[in-house]
Amino acid sequence: MEKNVVRADRKLMYEGSVIKVYQDKMQFAGGNEENWDYIHHDGAAAVVPVLPDGRILMVEQYRSALDRETLEIPAGKLDAPGEDPRLCAQRELEEETGYFCQEPKWLITVRTMVAFSNEKVEIYVAEDLIPSRQHLDENEFIHVSAYPLEELKEKIFRGEIQDSKTIAALLAYGEAYGKSRRTAN
């Protein structure tokens, strides 16, 4: 396959605690050039925590990018490039909800913003939850609630849940696990 676009140069424009922002000089087959933005992210993990009765634990927290509270599945960035996402998912589950899961099962991989970022979120399902305690950061305020999957789907389609990883995770969980749960009840 012929390559129509080639990155000719990449310059670091900003380095923060979570992301690095680059400007890429792109060259096209027709001879044109353009600058594109690229955001590097080391990766993240998220988890769909399922209680024995089938309800899903969700976290509500303030997100400064939206300047409001959001309802999401527990998630967090990898502590270092190359960290095992399963360990990150376990850590974030316990930190944010106060539950631990010995063996989270991989569900899906989500690339959140493919047009300008490489962020990759590995998403797991956590069943057989073991009560523990929350380990919130000093400036982290999280409210935990449990919801039936159907109610969460309604929230998605009413626009109340807009976080892409949460939407993808809940719908994938419903497809992969929901049918067996419905027939078991």
Protein backbone atom coordinates (compact mmCIF):
# COMPACT_ATOMS: atom_id res chain seq x y z
CA MET A 1 0.00 0.00 0.00
CA GLU A 2 1.31 3.40 -0.98
CA LYS A 3 2.01 5.82 1.88
CA ASN A 4 0.16 9.10 1.26
CA VAL A 5 1.14 10.77 4.54
CA VAL A 6 4.55 10.83 6.22
CA ARG A 7 5.58 12.48 9.49
CA ALA A 8 8.66 14.58 8.63
CA ASP A 9 9.25 16.09 12.06
CA ARG A 10 7.93 16.07 15.63
CA LYS A 11 8.52 18.87 18.18
CA LEU A 12 7.65 18.73 21.87
CA MET A 13 5.53 21.80 22.62
CA TYR A 14 4.41 21.06 26.19
CA GLU A 15 5.08 18.42 28.83
CA GLY A 16 2.62 18.02 31.70
CA SER A 17 2.14 15.46 34.43
CA VAL A 18 -0.24 13.34 32.33
CA ILE A 19 0.37 14.25 28.69
CA LYS A 20 2.99 15.52 26.25
CA VAL A 21 1.82 17.73 23.40
CA TYR A 22 3.73 17.66 20.13
CA GLN A 23 3.49 19.46 16.81
CA ASP A 24 4.02 17.10 13.89
CA LYS A 25 5.03 18.30 10.44
CA MET A 26 3.19 16.07 7.99
CA GLN A 27 4.10 15.67 4.31
CA PHE A 28 1.54 14.46 1.79
CA ALA A 29 1.93 12.55 -1.46
CA GLY A 30 0.94 15.65 -3.46
CA GLY A 31 3.83 17.63 -1.95
CA ASN A 32 1.81 19.65 0.57
CA GLU A 33 2.81 20.03 4.22
CA GLU A 34 0.67 20.64 7.31
CA ASN A 35 1.20 20.86 11.04
CA TRP A 36 -0.86 18.43 13.12
CA ASP A 37 -1.22 18.25 16.89
CA TYR A 38 -0.34 15.01 18.64
CA ILE A 39 -0.95 14.22 22.32
CA HIS A 40 1.09 11.43 23.90
CA HIS A 41 -0.40 9.57 26.87
CA ASP A 42 1.33 6.66 28.63
CA GLY A 43 -1.92 4.71 28.90
CA ALA A 44 -4.60 3.92 31.43
CA ALA A 45 -6.75 1.15 32.81
CA ALA A 46 -10.38 1.04 33.84
CA VAL A 47 -12.67 -1.49 35.42
CA VAL A 48 -16.35 -2.45 35.45
CA PRO A 49 -16.87 -3.52 39.10
CA VAL A 50 -19.84 -5.88 39.44
CA LEU A 51 -21.48 -6.62 42.79
CA PRO A 52 -22.92 -10.11 43.48
CA ASP A 53 -26.45 -8.80 42.76
CA GLY A 54 -25.31 -7.62 39.29
CA ARG A 55 -25.25 -3.89 40.02
CA ILE A 56 -22.23 -1.97 38.80
CA LEU A 57 -20.20 0.35 41.02
CA MET A 58 -19.76 3.80 39.51
CA VAL A 59 -17.74 6.78 40.69
CA GLU A 60 -18.86 10.38 40.57
CA GLN A 61 -16.13 12.99 40.57
CA TYR A 62 -15.35 16.51 39.42
CA ARG A 63 -13.67 16.85 36.03
CA SER A 64 -12.08 20.24 35.40
CA ALA A 65 -12.14 19.88 31.60
CA LEU A 66 -15.96 19.87 31.77
CA ASP A 67 -16.22 21.93 34.97
CA ARG A 68 -18.75 19.50 36.43
CA GLU A 69 -19.21 16.14 38.12
CA THR A 70 -19.25 13.06 35.88
CA LEU A 71 -20.43 9.48 36.40
CA GLU A 72 -17.75 7.00 35.30
CA ILE A 73 -16.30 3.58 35.86
CA PRO A 74 -13.17 3.59 38.07
CA ALA A 75 -10.05 4.34 36.04
CA GLY A 76 -6.61 5.85 36.19
CA LYS A 77 -3.39 6.36 34.31
CA LEU A 78 -0.57 3.88 34.38
CA ASP A 79 2.01 4.86 37.01
CA ALA A 80 4.79 4.32 34.47
CA PRO A 81 5.07 3.35 30.80
CA GLY A 82 4.97 -0.42 30.65
CA GLU A 83 3.05 -0.91 33.91
CA ASP A 84 0.76 -3.95 33.71
CA PRO A 85 -2.70 -2.47 33.02
CA ARG A 86 -4.35 -5.27 35.04
CA LEU A 87 -2.41 -4.14 38.15
CA CYS A 88 -3.37 -0.54 37.43
CA ALA A 89 -7.05 -1.57 37.17
CA GLN A 90 -6.83 -3.41 40.51
CA ARG A 91 -5.16 -0.41 42.16
CA GLU A 92 -7.68 2.11 40.79
CA LEU A 93 -10.62 -0.12 41.76
CA GLU A 94 -9.47 -0.25 45.38
CA GLU A 95 -8.37 3.40 45.56
CA GLU A 96 -11.63 4.75 44.15
CA THR A 97 -14.30 2.29 45.39
CA GLY A 98 -12.86 0.56 48.43
CA TYR A 99 -13.17 -2.89 46.80
CA PHE A 100 -10.46 -5.25 45.58
CA CYS A 101 -10.62 -7.96 42.92
CA GLN A 102 -8.04 -10.74 42.76
CA GLU A 103 -8.58 -11.62 39.07
CA PRO A 104 -10.05 -8.86 36.88
CA LYS A 105 -10.88 -10.17 33.40
CA TRP A 106 -9.92 -8.21 30.28
CA LEU A 107 -12.97 -6.84 28.43
CA ILE A 108 -11.87 -4.40 25.69
CA THR A 109 -9.21 -1.91 24.64
CA VAL A 110 -10.35 1.63 23.88
CA ARG A 111 -8.40 4.28 21.98
CA THR A 112 -10.17 7.42 23.18
CA MET A 113 -9.19 10.09 20.62
CA VAL A 114 -7.54 8.51 17.58
CA ALA A 115 -7.46 11.73 15.54
CA PHE A 116 -4.86 13.35 17.79
CA SER A 117 -3.87 11.12 20.72
CA ASN A 118 -2.42 7.68 21.30
CA GLU A 119 -4.23 7.22 24.65
CA LYS A 120 -5.06 3.55 25.17
CA VAL A 121 -7.33 2.35 27.97
CA GLU A 122 -7.40 -1.35 28.85
CA ILE A 123 -10.76 -2.16 30.40
CA TYR A 124 -11.44 -5.07 32.74
CA VAL A 125 -14.40 -6.64 34.52
CA ALA A 126 -14.09 -7.18 38.27
CA GLU A 127 -16.40 -9.69 39.91
CA ASP A 128 -15.93 -11.48 43.25
CA LEU A 129 -15.26 -8.10 44.86
CA ILE A 130 -13.56 -8.10 48.26
CA PRO A 131 -14.45 -5.16 50.56
CA SER A 132 -11.40 -3.07 51.44
CA ARG A 133 -11.18 0.70 51.86
CA GLN A 134 -10.82 3.71 49.59
CA HIS A 135 -7.36 5.24 49.22
CA LEU A 136 -8.18 8.64 47.76
CA ASP A 137 -5.53 11.25 47.03
CA GLU A 138 -5.60 14.35 49.25
CA ASN A 139 -7.47 16.41 46.64
CA GLU A 140 -9.63 13.60 45.27
CA PHE A 141 -13.31 13.49 46.19
CA ILE A 142 -15.23 10.50 44.85
CA HIS A 143 -18.78 9.37 45.57
CA VAL A 144 -19.45 5.67 44.89
CA SER A 145 -22.91 4.35 43.91
CA ALA A 146 -24.24 1.07 42.52
CA TYR A 147 -26.55 0.89 39.51
CA PRO A 148 -28.26 -1.84 37.48
CA LEU A 149 -26.82 -2.10 33.97
CA GLU A 150 -30.14 -1.18 32.34
CA GLU A 151 -30.29 2.09 34.31
CA LEU A 152 -26.74 2.93 33.22
CA LYS A 153 -27.64 2.24 29.59
CA GLU A 154 -30.60 4.63 29.94
CA LYS A 155 -28.23 7.26 31.35
CA ILE A 156 -25.97 6.79 28.32
CA PHE A 157 -28.80 7.27 25.83
CA ARG A 158 -30.19 10.28 27.73
CA GLY A 159 -26.75 11.89 27.51
CA GLU A 160 -26.14 11.76 31.27
CA ILE A 161 -23.05 9.57 30.82
CA GLN A 162 -20.75 11.01 28.16
CA ASP A 163 -17.33 9.61 29.09
CA SER A 164 -16.17 7.50 26.13
CA LYS A 165 -14.38 4.78 28.10
CA THR A 166 -17.40 4.37 30.38
CA ILE A 167 -19.85 4.17 27.48
CA ALA A 168 -17.70 1.64 25.61
CA ALA A 169 -17.12 -0.43 28.76
CA LEU A 170 -20.75 -0.58 29.85
CA LEU A 171 -22.07 -1.45 26.39
CA ALA A 172 -19.34 -4.07 25.88
CA TYR A 173 -20.03 -5.52 29.32
CA GLY A 174 -23.74 -5.68 28.51
CA GLU A 175 -23.01 -7.59 25.31
CA ALA A 176 -20.41 -9.93 26.78
CA TYR A 177 -21.92 -10.57 30.22
CA GLY A 178 -25.47 -9.22 30.19
CA LYS A 179 -27.05 -12.07 28.26
CA SER A 180 -25.70 -14.74 30.60
CA ARG A 181 -26.81 -12.72 33.64
CA ARG A 182 -30.34 -12.32 32.21
CA THR A 183 -30.71 -16.05 31.57
CA ALA A 184 -29.26 -16.96 34.99
CA ASN A 185 -31.86 -14.85 36.88
